[in-house]
Amino acid sequence: MLLHIDGSKHRWFQDDRYYDLLVILDDATSRIYYAQLVEEESTRTVMTALREVIEREGLFCALYSDRASHFFVTAKTGEPVDKSRLTQVGRALKELGVQMIPAYSPQARGRSERSFGTWQSRLPQELRLAAITTVEAANEFLRQRYLDEFNARFTVKAAERGTAFRRCGRSDLDWIFSIQTERVVSKDNTVAIRDQWWQLDKTRWRHTLAGQTVTIHQHLDGAVSIRYGPHIVGRGKDAAVENHMPVSHRSLDPKRTHFSTASTTMNPLSPKSKAKRVA
């Protein structure tokens, strides 16, 4: 029914390198459904983790997390989260019907903290014994071997029988788990996010989309899709992630933009700039 998600920054290779271990565990049994090393816990790495669990295990009822900015918007430090303003993660889970529950005290996150204590005492030694020194090899080790061993040792029996997981029949997870940003199309039929520009092609049903609001989807695999209503009016690649795969190993969060407050205005493309053309 309830899953915990959290990250622990640590020197997992027992050298001067710090990585976040991103973990998703079951509240009822402490079973680990996902554990991967990433450079930083972020919108993209969290979305990657959640999508994998949903595709493999199914949809669940609620997600318990800290109040990091990729989970919740908090107007002022120490105040309750603003549930009316959704982050990218919040928007995705709302579309799937998953409730998000914020933690308000260290005691409330005790399950995750105790689990990470075990991870920090055991995983560095296991990596050393296996002569693993890279993130890629460590994540393969976690997937293929260590996660099963960890669960066999530390999973406990649930208080009640049965499971609340439900098979996910959605075929649009690529769209749901994407960074979505609204933009108004400029007079030269372009849109942009920060320093990346995309030229929209003309459509059969409209000469130009100038002045119209489109949604830019930055997918987890580095692809970019631009939608106007039900129509895909542009495709391309996100230069920030195209050469840095797999995504789960990178910190690629674009300012952790809040979905409900994303800017919908922009300056037109400078005549000296070169737009990236998309089909």
C-alpha atoms as a PDB file:
ATOM      1  CA  MET A   1       0.000   0.000   0.000  1.00  0.00           C
ATOM      2  CA  LEU A   2       2.719   2.445   0.984  1.00  0.00           C
ATOM      3  CA  LEU A   3       6.223   2.757  -0.464  1.00  0.00           C
ATOM      4  CA  HIS A   4       9.102   4.864   0.879  1.00  0.00           C
ATOM      5  CA  ILE A   5      11.561   6.626  -1.398  1.00  0.00           C
ATOM      6  CA  ASP A   6      14.763   8.261  -0.199  1.00  0.00           C
ATOM      7  CA  GLY A   7      18.377   8.855  -1.124  1.00  0.00           C
ATOM      8  CA  SER A   8      21.566   8.533   0.909  1.00  0.00           C
ATOM      9  CA  LYS A   9      24.759  10.379  -0.072  1.00  0.00           C
ATOM     10  CA  HIS A  10      27.794   8.361   0.891  1.00  0.00           C
ATOM     11  CA  ARG A  11      31.287   7.298  -0.213  1.00  0.00           C
ATOM     12  CA  TRP A  12      30.086   3.922  -1.433  1.00  0.00           C
ATOM     13  CA  PHE A  13      33.425   3.071  -3.090  1.00  0.00           C
ATOM     14  CA  GLN A  14      35.390   4.026   0.044  1.00  0.00           C
ATOM     15  CA  ASP A  15      37.271   6.779  -1.778  1.00  0.00           C
ATOM     16  CA  ASP A  16      36.655  10.518  -2.216  1.00  0.00           C
ATOM     17  CA  ARG A  17      33.652  10.050  -4.543  1.00  0.00           C
ATOM     18  CA  TYR A  18      30.158  10.702  -3.195  1.00  0.00           C
ATOM     19  CA  TYR A  19      27.029   9.246  -4.823  1.00  0.00           C
ATOM     20  CA  ASP A  20      23.387   9.074  -3.837  1.00  0.00           C
ATOM     21  CA  LEU A  21      21.922   5.623  -3.326  1.00  0.00           C
ATOM     22  CA  LEU A  22      18.278   5.970  -4.368  1.00  0.00           C
ATOM     23  CA  VAL A  23      16.065   3.355  -2.713  1.00  0.00           C
ATOM     24  CA  ILE A  24      12.370   2.470  -2.856  1.00  0.00           C
ATOM     25  CA  LEU A  25      11.163   0.120  -0.114  1.00  0.00           C
ATOM     26  CA  ASP A  26       7.884  -1.378   1.085  1.00  0.00           C
ATOM     27  CA  ASP A  27       6.498   0.018   4.327  1.00  0.00           C
ATOM     28  CA  ALA A  28       4.879  -3.269   5.317  1.00  0.00           C
ATOM     29  CA  THR A  29       7.795  -5.634   4.678  1.00  0.00           C
ATOM     30  CA  SER A  30      10.932  -3.462   4.226  1.00  0.00           C
ATOM     31  CA  ARG A  31      11.417  -5.211   0.880  1.00  0.00           C
ATOM     32  CA  ILE A  32      13.585  -3.191  -1.507  1.00  0.00           C
ATOM     33  CA  TYR A  33      12.031  -2.736  -4.948  1.00  0.00           C
ATOM     34  CA  TYR A  34      14.681  -0.416  -6.352  1.00  0.00           C
ATOM     35  CA  ALA A  35      18.247   0.526  -5.414  1.00  0.00           C
ATOM     36  CA  GLN A  36      20.633   2.349  -7.742  1.00  0.00           C
ATOM     37  CA  LEU A  37      23.579   4.715  -7.385  1.00  0.00           C
ATOM     38  CA  VAL A  38      23.096   8.122  -9.027  1.00  0.00           C
ATOM     39  CA  GLU A  39      25.151  11.284  -9.030  1.00  0.00           C
ATOM     40  CA  GLU A  40      22.287  13.162  -7.426  1.00  0.00           C
ATOM     41  CA  GLU A  41      18.727  12.476  -6.339  1.00  0.00           C
ATOM     42  CA  SER A  42      16.669  14.605  -8.721  1.00  0.00           C
ATOM     43  CA  THR A  43      13.441  14.788 -10.675  1.00  0.00           C
ATOM     44  CA  ARG A  44      14.824  12.601 -13.458  1.00  0.00           C
ATOM     45  CA  THR A  45      16.418   9.960 -11.253  1.00  0.00           C
ATOM     46  CA  VAL A  46      13.307   9.760  -9.059  1.00  0.00           C
ATOM     47  CA  MET A  47      11.047   9.429 -12.113  1.00  0.00           C
ATOM     48  CA  THR A  48      13.296   6.701 -13.505  1.00  0.00           C
ATOM     49  CA  ALA A  49      13.052   4.770 -10.239  1.00  0.00           C
ATOM     50  CA  LEU A  50       9.296   5.130  -9.886  1.00  0.00           C
ATOM     51  CA  ARG A  51       8.613   4.138 -13.467  1.00  0.00           C
ATOM     52  CA  GLU A  52      10.712   0.980 -13.126  1.00  0.00           C
ATOM     53  CA  VAL A  53       8.871  -0.097  -9.981  1.00  0.00           C
ATOM     54  CA  ILE A  54       5.462   0.615 -11.515  1.00  0.00           C
ATOM     55  CA  GLU A  55       6.286  -1.307 -14.686  1.00  0.00           C
ATOM     56  CA  ARG A  56       7.659  -4.298 -12.765  1.00  0.00           C
ATOM     57  CA  GLU A  57       5.481  -4.432  -9.634  1.00  0.00           C
ATOM     58  CA  GLY A  58       2.411  -2.375 -10.529  1.00  0.00           C
ATOM     59  CA  LEU A  59       0.657   0.719  -9.247  1.00  0.00           C
ATOM     60  CA  PHE A  60       0.558   1.291  -5.493  1.00  0.00           C
ATOM     61  CA  CYS A  61      -1.537   3.473  -3.212  1.00  0.00           C
ATOM     62  CA  ALA A  62       0.817   6.028  -1.692  1.00  0.00           C
ATOM     63  CA  LEU A  63       4.421   7.253  -1.717  1.00  0.00           C
ATOM     64  CA  TYR A  64       6.132   8.545   1.409  1.00  0.00           C
ATOM     65  CA  SER A  65       9.105  10.894   0.968  1.00  0.00           C
ATOM     66  CA  ASP A  66      10.968  13.823   2.425  1.00  0.00           C
ATOM     67  CA  ARG A  67      10.031  17.345   1.342  1.00  0.00           C
ATOM     68  CA  ALA A  68      12.796  17.841  -1.218  1.00  0.00           C
ATOM     69  CA  SER A  69      11.926  20.265  -4.001  1.00  0.00           C
ATOM     70  CA  HIS A  70      11.487  17.524  -6.586  1.00  0.00           C
ATOM     71  CA  PHE A  71       8.695  16.044  -4.438  1.00  0.00           C
ATOM     72  CA  PHE A  72       6.920  19.072  -2.966  1.00  0.00           C
ATOM     73  CA  VAL A  73       6.696  22.842  -3.147  1.00  0.00           C
ATOM     74  CA  THR A  74       7.253  24.529   0.219  1.00  0.00           C
ATOM     75  CA  ALA A  75       6.753  28.292   0.204  1.00  0.00           C
ATOM     76  CA  LYS A  76       8.859  28.888   3.316  1.00  0.00           C
ATOM     77  CA  THR A  77      11.271  26.667   5.189  1.00  0.00           C
ATOM     78  CA  GLY A  78       9.558  24.828   8.014  1.00  0.00           C
ATOM     79  CA  GLU A  79       6.028  25.443   6.707  1.00  0.00           C
ATOM     80  CA  PRO A  80       3.705  22.721   5.390  1.00  0.00           C
ATOM     81  CA  VAL A  81       4.028  21.773   1.741  1.00  0.00           C
ATOM     82  CA  ASP A  82       1.770  23.464  -0.803  1.00  0.00           C
ATOM     83  CA  LYS A  83      -0.257  20.577  -2.226  1.00  0.00           C
ATOM     84  CA  SER A  84      -1.961  22.886  -4.716  1.00  0.00           C
ATOM     85  CA  ARG A  85       1.329  23.379  -6.593  1.00  0.00           C
ATOM     86  CA  LEU A  86       2.580  20.163  -8.110  1.00  0.00           C
ATOM     87  CA  THR A  87       6.149  19.328  -8.960  1.00  0.00           C
ATOM     88  CA  GLN A  88       6.918  17.203 -12.007  1.00  0.00           C
ATOM     89  CA  VAL A  89       6.926  14.091  -9.793  1.00  0.00           C
ATOM     90  CA  GLY A  90       3.703  15.184  -8.111  1.00  0.00           C
ATOM     91  CA  ARG A  91       1.977  15.738 -11.445  1.00  0.00           C
ATOM     92  CA  ALA A  92       3.053  12.314 -12.745  1.00  0.00           C
ATOM     93  CA  LEU A  93       1.858  10.443  -9.660  1.00  0.00           C
ATOM     94  CA  LYS A  94      -1.420  12.345  -9.598  1.00  0.00           C
ATOM     95  CA  GLU A  95      -2.068  11.201 -13.169  1.00  0.00           C
ATOM     96  CA  LEU A  96      -1.561   7.633 -11.968  1.00  0.00           C
ATOM     97  CA  GLY A  97      -3.724   8.025  -8.867  1.00  0.00           C
ATOM     98  CA  VAL A  98      -0.856   7.624  -6.368  1.00  0.00           C
ATOM     99  CA  GLN A  99      -1.066   9.721  -3.197  1.00  0.00           C
ATOM    100  CA  MET A 100       2.050  11.560  -2.019  1.00  0.00           C
ATOM    101  CA  ILE A 101       2.714  11.848   1.722  1.00  0.00           C
ATOM    102  CA  PRO A 102       5.393  14.266   3.004  1.00  0.00           C
ATOM    103  CA  ALA A 103       7.551  13.534   6.047  1.00  0.00           C
ATOM    104  CA  TYR A 104       7.585  16.235   8.733  1.00  0.00           C
ATOM    105  CA  SER A 105      10.031  14.793  11.269  1.00  0.00           C
ATOM    106  CA  PRO A 106      13.167  12.629  11.377  1.00  0.00           C
ATOM    107  CA  GLN A 107      11.240  10.109  13.473  1.00  0.00           C
ATOM    108  CA  ALA A 108       8.670   9.712  10.704  1.00  0.00           C
ATOM    109  CA  ARG A 109      11.456   8.678   8.313  1.00  0.00           C
ATOM    110  CA  GLY A 110      12.877   6.115  10.706  1.00  0.00           C
ATOM    111  CA  ARG A 111      12.264   3.136   8.401  1.00  0.00           C
ATOM    112  CA  SER A 112      14.353   4.638   5.608  1.00  0.00           C
ATOM    113  CA  GLU A 113      17.061   5.878   7.969  1.00  0.00           C
ATOM    114  CA  ARG A 114      17.495   2.460   9.583  1.00  0.00           C
ATOM    115  CA  SER A 115      17.624   0.834   6.174  1.00  0.00           C
ATOM    116  CA  PHE A 116      20.328   3.238   5.008  1.00  0.00           C
ATOM    117  CA  GLY A 117      22.347   2.496   8.118  1.00  0.00           C
ATOM    118  CA  THR A 118      22.405  -1.126   7.019  1.00  0.00           C
ATOM    119  CA  TRP A 119      23.256  -0.166   3.426  1.00  0.00           C
ATOM    120  CA  GLN A 120      26.170   2.038   4.484  1.00  0.00           C
ATOM    121  CA  SER A 121      27.707  -0.630   6.681  1.00  0.00           C
ATOM    122  CA  ARG A 122      27.359  -3.471   4.171  1.00  0.00           C
ATOM    123  CA  LEU A 123      27.364  -2.240   0.546  1.00  0.00           C
ATOM    124  CA  PRO A 124      30.847  -0.602   0.526  1.00  0.00           C
ATOM    125  CA  GLN A 125      32.345  -3.861   1.796  1.00  0.00           C
ATOM    126  CA  GLU A 126      30.467  -5.913  -0.792  1.00  0.00           C
ATOM    127  CA  LEU A 127      31.666  -3.634  -3.602  1.00  0.00           C
ATOM    128  CA  ARG A 128      35.231  -3.849  -2.342  1.00  0.00           C
ATOM    129  CA  LEU A 129      35.136  -7.660  -2.162  1.00  0.00           C
ATOM    130  CA  ALA A 130      33.724  -7.804  -5.686  1.00  0.00           C
ATOM    131  CA  ALA A 131      36.444  -5.387  -6.919  1.00  0.00           C
ATOM    132  CA  ILE A 132      33.781  -3.002  -8.245  1.00  0.00           C
ATOM    133  CA  THR A 133      34.899   0.615  -8.696  1.00  0.00           C
ATOM    134  CA  THR A 134      32.448   2.142 -11.201  1.00  0.00           C
ATOM    135  CA  VAL A 135      28.835   3.241 -10.888  1.00  0.00           C
ATOM    136  CA  GLU A 136      27.816   1.182 -13.903  1.00  0.00           C
ATOM    137  CA  ALA A 137      29.286  -2.017 -12.487  1.00  0.00           C
ATOM    138  CA  ALA A 138      27.863  -1.288  -9.032  1.00  0.00           C
ATOM    139  CA  ASN A 139      24.349  -0.802 -10.385  1.00  0.00           C
ATOM    140  CA  GLU A 140      24.597  -4.026 -12.376  1.00  0.00           C
ATOM    141  CA  PHE A 141      25.758  -5.781  -9.194  1.00  0.00           C
ATOM    142  CA  LEU A 142      22.776  -4.374  -7.313  1.00  0.00           C
ATOM    143  CA  ARG A 143      20.302  -5.493  -9.960  1.00  0.00           C
ATOM    144  CA  GLN A 144      21.689  -8.924 -10.720  1.00  0.00           C
ATOM    145  CA  ARG A 145      22.802 -10.100  -7.305  1.00  0.00           C
ATOM    146  CA  TYR A 146      22.851  -7.935  -4.222  1.00  0.00           C
ATOM    147  CA  LEU A 147      19.212  -6.810  -4.094  1.00  0.00           C
ATOM    148  CA  ASP A 148      17.966 -10.406  -3.903  1.00  0.00           C
ATOM    149  CA  GLU A 149      20.493 -11.209  -1.163  1.00  0.00           C
ATOM    150  CA  PHE A 150      19.572  -8.067   0.778  1.00  0.00           C
ATOM    151  CA  ASN A 151      15.839  -8.811   0.591  1.00  0.00           C
ATOM    152  CA  ALA A 152      16.322 -12.443   1.564  1.00  0.00           C
ATOM    153  CA  ARG A 153      18.078 -11.301   4.737  1.00  0.00           C
ATOM    154  CA  PHE A 154      16.104  -8.247   5.790  1.00  0.00           C
ATOM    155  CA  THR A 155      12.541  -8.551   4.437  1.00  0.00           C
ATOM    156  CA  VAL A 156       9.962  -9.145   7.172  1.00  0.00           C
ATOM    157  CA  LYS A 157       6.502 -10.669   7.032  1.00  0.00           C
ATOM    158  CA  ALA A 158       3.635  -8.225   6.506  1.00  0.00           C
ATOM    159  CA  ALA A 159       1.040  -7.873   9.242  1.00  0.00           C
ATOM    160  CA  GLU A 160      -1.714  -8.860   6.783  1.00  0.00           C
ATOM    161  CA  ARG A 161      -1.704 -11.133   3.763  1.00  0.00           C
ATOM    162  CA  GLY A 162      -2.285  -9.881   0.225  1.00  0.00           C
ATOM    163  CA  THR A 163      -0.946  -7.069  -1.906  1.00  0.00           C
ATOM    164  CA  ALA A 164      -2.289  -3.667  -2.889  1.00  0.00           C
ATOM    165  CA  PHE A 165      -0.224  -3.549  -6.091  1.00  0.00           C
ATOM    166  CA  ARG A 166      -2.342  -3.364  -9.234  1.00  0.00           C
ATOM    167  CA  ARG A 167      -1.022  -4.065 -12.706  1.00  0.00           C
ATOM    168  CA  CYS A 168      -0.479  -0.854 -14.643  1.00  0.00           C
ATOM    169  CA  GLY A 169      -2.242  -1.026 -17.976  1.00  0.00           C
ATOM    170  CA  ARG A 170      -1.183   2.442 -19.075  1.00  0.00           C
ATOM    171  CA  SER A 171       0.553   2.703 -22.435  1.00  0.00           C
ATOM    172  CA  ASP A 172       1.549   6.349 -21.993  1.00  0.00           C
ATOM    173  CA  LEU A 173       4.195   6.121 -19.264  1.00  0.00           C
ATOM    174  CA  ASP A 174       6.723   7.736 -21.636  1.00  0.00           C
ATOM    175  CA  TRP A 175       4.532  10.850 -21.570  1.00  0.00           C
ATOM    176  CA  ILE A 176       3.607  10.731 -17.890  1.00  0.00           C
ATOM    177  CA  PHE A 177       7.217  10.317 -16.740  1.00  0.00           C
ATOM    178  CA  SER A 178       8.623  13.238 -18.688  1.00  0.00           C
ATOM    179  CA  ILE A 179       9.627  16.755 -17.732  1.00  0.00           C
ATOM    180  CA  GLN A 180       6.712  18.835 -19.014  1.00  0.00           C
ATOM    181  CA  THR A 181       7.045  22.558 -19.628  1.00  0.00           C
ATOM    182  CA  GLU A 182       4.574  24.873 -21.316  1.00  0.00           C
ATOM    183  CA  ARG A 183       5.844  27.496 -23.730  1.00  0.00           C
ATOM    184  CA  VAL A 184       4.264  30.057 -26.048  1.00  0.00           C
ATOM    185  CA  VAL A 185       5.473  29.634 -29.637  1.00  0.00           C
ATOM    186  CA  SER A 186       7.448  32.635 -30.933  1.00  0.00           C
ATOM    187  CA  LYS A 187       6.732  34.485 -34.162  1.00  0.00           C
ATOM    188  CA  ASP A 188       9.373  32.457 -36.006  1.00  0.00           C
ATOM    189  CA  ASN A 189       7.630  29.214 -34.965  1.00  0.00           C
ATOM    190  CA  THR A 190      10.233  28.229 -32.337  1.00  0.00           C
ATOM    191  CA  VAL A 191      10.151  27.291 -28.665  1.00  0.00           C
ATOM    192  CA  ALA A 192      12.947  27.099 -26.115  1.00  0.00           C
ATOM    193  CA  ILE A 193      13.987  25.889 -22.687  1.00  0.00           C
ATOM    194  CA  ARG A 194      16.945  27.854 -21.372  1.00  0.00           C
ATOM    195  CA  ASP A 195      19.586  27.750 -24.123  1.00  0.00           C
ATOM    196  CA  GLN A 196      17.976  25.030 -26.245  1.00  0.00           C
ATOM    197  CA  TRP A 197      15.766  26.057 -29.168  1.00  0.00           C
ATOM    198  CA  TRP A 198      13.526  23.907 -31.339  1.00  0.00           C
ATOM    199  CA  GLN A 199      12.119  24.885 -34.723  1.00  0.00           C
ATOM    200  CA  LEU A 200       8.596  23.579 -35.283  1.00  0.00           C
ATOM    201  CA  ASP A 201       7.646  22.323 -38.726  1.00  0.00           C
ATOM    202  CA  LYS A 202       4.579  23.607 -40.504  1.00  0.00           C
ATOM    203  CA  THR A 203       1.509  21.417 -40.257  1.00  0.00           C
ATOM    204  CA  ARG A 204      -1.121  20.612 -42.866  1.00  0.00           C
ATOM    205  CA  TRP A 205      -3.803  22.227 -40.742  1.00  0.00           C
ATOM    206  CA  ARG A 206      -2.046  25.438 -39.651  1.00  0.00           C
ATOM    207  CA  HIS A 207       0.646  27.537 -41.312  1.00  0.00           C
ATOM    208  CA  THR A 208       2.269  28.534 -37.992  1.00  0.00           C
ATOM    209  CA  LEU A 209       1.687  27.941 -34.287  1.00  0.00           C
ATOM    210  CA  ALA A 210       3.013  31.388 -33.302  1.00  0.00           C
ATOM    211  CA  GLY A 211       1.213  32.630 -30.201  1.00  0.00           C
ATOM    212  CA  GLN A 212      -0.102  29.179 -29.273  1.00  0.00           C
ATOM    213  CA  THR A 213       0.848  27.346 -26.072  1.00  0.00           C
ATOM    214  CA  VAL A 214       2.586  23.995 -26.566  1.00  0.00           C
ATOM    215  CA  THR A 215       3.942  21.460 -24.087  1.00  0.00           C
ATOM    216  CA  ILE A 216       7.575  20.387 -24.335  1.00  0.00           C
ATOM    217  CA  HIS A 217       8.119  16.823 -23.057  1.00  0.00           C
ATOM    218  CA  GLN A 218      11.716  16.033 -22.100  1.00  0.00           C
ATOM    219  CA  HIS A 219      11.686  12.234 -21.888  1.00  0.00           C
ATOM    220  CA  LEU A 220      13.887  10.204 -19.575  1.00  0.00           C
ATOM    221  CA  ASP A 221      15.855   8.739 -22.502  1.00  0.00           C
ATOM    222  CA  GLY A 222      16.878  12.193 -23.780  1.00  0.00           C
ATOM    223  CA  ALA A 223      14.225  12.476 -26.491  1.00  0.00           C
ATOM    224  CA  VAL A 224      12.131  15.644 -26.772  1.00  0.00           C
ATOM    225  CA  SER A 225       8.530  15.735 -27.993  1.00  0.00           C
ATOM    226  CA  ILE A 226       6.490  18.901 -28.482  1.00  0.00           C
ATOM    227  CA  ARG A 227       2.720  18.623 -28.333  1.00  0.00           C
ATOM    228  CA  TYR A 228      -0.086  20.963 -29.271  1.00  0.00           C
ATOM    229  CA  GLY A 229      -3.292  19.397 -28.006  1.00  0.00           C
ATOM    230  CA  PRO A 230      -3.291  15.795 -29.300  1.00  0.00           C
ATOM    231  CA  HIS A 231      -0.773  16.587 -32.054  1.00  0.00           C
ATOM    232  CA  ILE A 232       2.989  15.996 -31.927  1.00  0.00           C
ATOM    233  CA  VAL A 233       4.378  19.062 -33.691  1.00  0.00           C
ATOM    234  CA  GLY A 234       8.069  18.491 -33.072  1.00  0.00           C
ATOM    235  CA  ARG A 235      10.635  15.896 -32.045  1.00  0.00           C
ATOM    236  CA  GLY A 236      14.292  16.161 -31.173  1.00  0.00           C
ATOM    237  CA  LYS A 237      17.004  15.395 -28.639  1.00  0.00           C
ATOM    238  CA  ASP A 238      17.808  17.050 -25.335  1.00  0.00           C
ATOM    239  CA  ALA A 239      21.451  18.119 -25.663  1.00  0.00           C
ATOM    240  CA  ALA A 240      21.814  18.004 -21.870  1.00  0.00           C
ATOM    241  CA  VAL A 241      21.252  14.239 -21.765  1.00  0.00           C
ATOM    242  CA  GLU A 242      21.915  12.912 -25.263  1.00  0.00           C
ATOM    243  CA  ASN A 243      25.582  12.158 -24.569  1.00  0.00           C
ATOM    244  CA  HIS A 244      25.187  11.177 -20.918  1.00  0.00           C
ATOM    245  CA  MET A 245      23.343   7.898 -20.792  1.00  0.00           C
ATOM    246  CA  PRO A 246      22.073   6.074 -18.869  1.00  0.00           C
ATOM    247  CA  VAL A 247      19.898   8.814 -17.436  1.00  0.00           C
ATOM    248  CA  SER A 248      19.834   7.210 -13.987  1.00  0.00           C
ATOM    249  CA  HIS A 249      23.562   7.975 -13.613  1.00  0.00           C
ATOM    250  CA  ARG A 250      23.271  11.697 -14.295  1.00  0.00           C
ATOM    251  CA  SER A 251      22.049  14.802 -12.489  1.00  0.00           C
ATOM    252  CA  LEU A 252      19.883  16.221 -15.252  1.00  0.00           C
ATOM    253  CA  ASP A 253      17.096  17.974 -13.435  1.00  0.00           C
ATOM    254  CA  PRO A 254      16.264  21.182 -15.380  1.00  0.00           C
ATOM    255  CA  LYS A 255      16.036  23.538 -12.399  1.00  0.00           C
ATOM    256  CA  ARG A 256      13.491  21.129 -10.866  1.00  0.00           C
ATOM    257  CA  THR A 257      10.759  23.188 -12.523  1.00  0.00           C
ATOM    258  CA  HIS A 258       7.363  23.057 -10.799  1.00  0.00           C
ATOM    259  CA  PHE A 259       4.847  21.874 -13.369  1.00  0.00           C
ATOM    260  CA  SER A 260       2.057  24.175 -12.264  1.00  0.00           C
ATOM    261  CA  THR A 261       4.229  27.290 -12.259  1.00  0.00           C
ATOM    262  CA  ALA A 262       6.370  26.760 -15.357  1.00  0.00           C
ATOM    263  CA  SER A 263       6.880  29.938 -17.349  1.00  0.00           C
ATOM    264  CA  THR A 264       4.671  30.251 -20.421  1.00  0.00           C
ATOM    265  CA  THR A 265       6.375  33.274 -21.955  1.00  0.00           C
ATOM    266  CA  MET A 266       9.728  33.652 -23.651  1.00  0.00           C
ATOM    267  CA  ASN A 267      11.752  36.036 -25.759  1.00  0.00           C
ATOM    268  CA  PRO A 268      11.782  35.423 -29.512  1.00  0.00           C
ATOM    269  CA  LEU A 269      14.816  33.721 -31.039  1.00  0.00           C
ATOM    270  CA  SER A 270      17.658  36.083 -31.822  1.00  0.00           C
ATOM    271  CA  PRO A 271      18.340  36.376 -35.583  1.00  0.00           C
ATOM    272  CA  LYS A 272      21.962  35.362 -34.851  1.00  0.00           C
ATOM    273  CA  SER A 273      20.990  32.239 -32.985  1.00  0.00           C
ATOM    274  CA  LYS A 274      20.644  28.852 -34.613  1.00  0.00           C
ATOM    275  CA  ALA A 275      17.510  26.881 -33.841  1.00  0.00           C
ATOM    276  CA  LYS A 276      17.657  23.141 -33.553  1.00  0.00           C
ATOM    277  CA  ARG A 277      15.383  21.783 -36.253  1.00  0.00           C
ATOM    278  CA  VAL A 278      13.092  18.912 -35.328  1.00  0.00           C
ATOM    279  CA  ALA A 279      10.956  16.715 -37.516  1.00  0.00           C
END
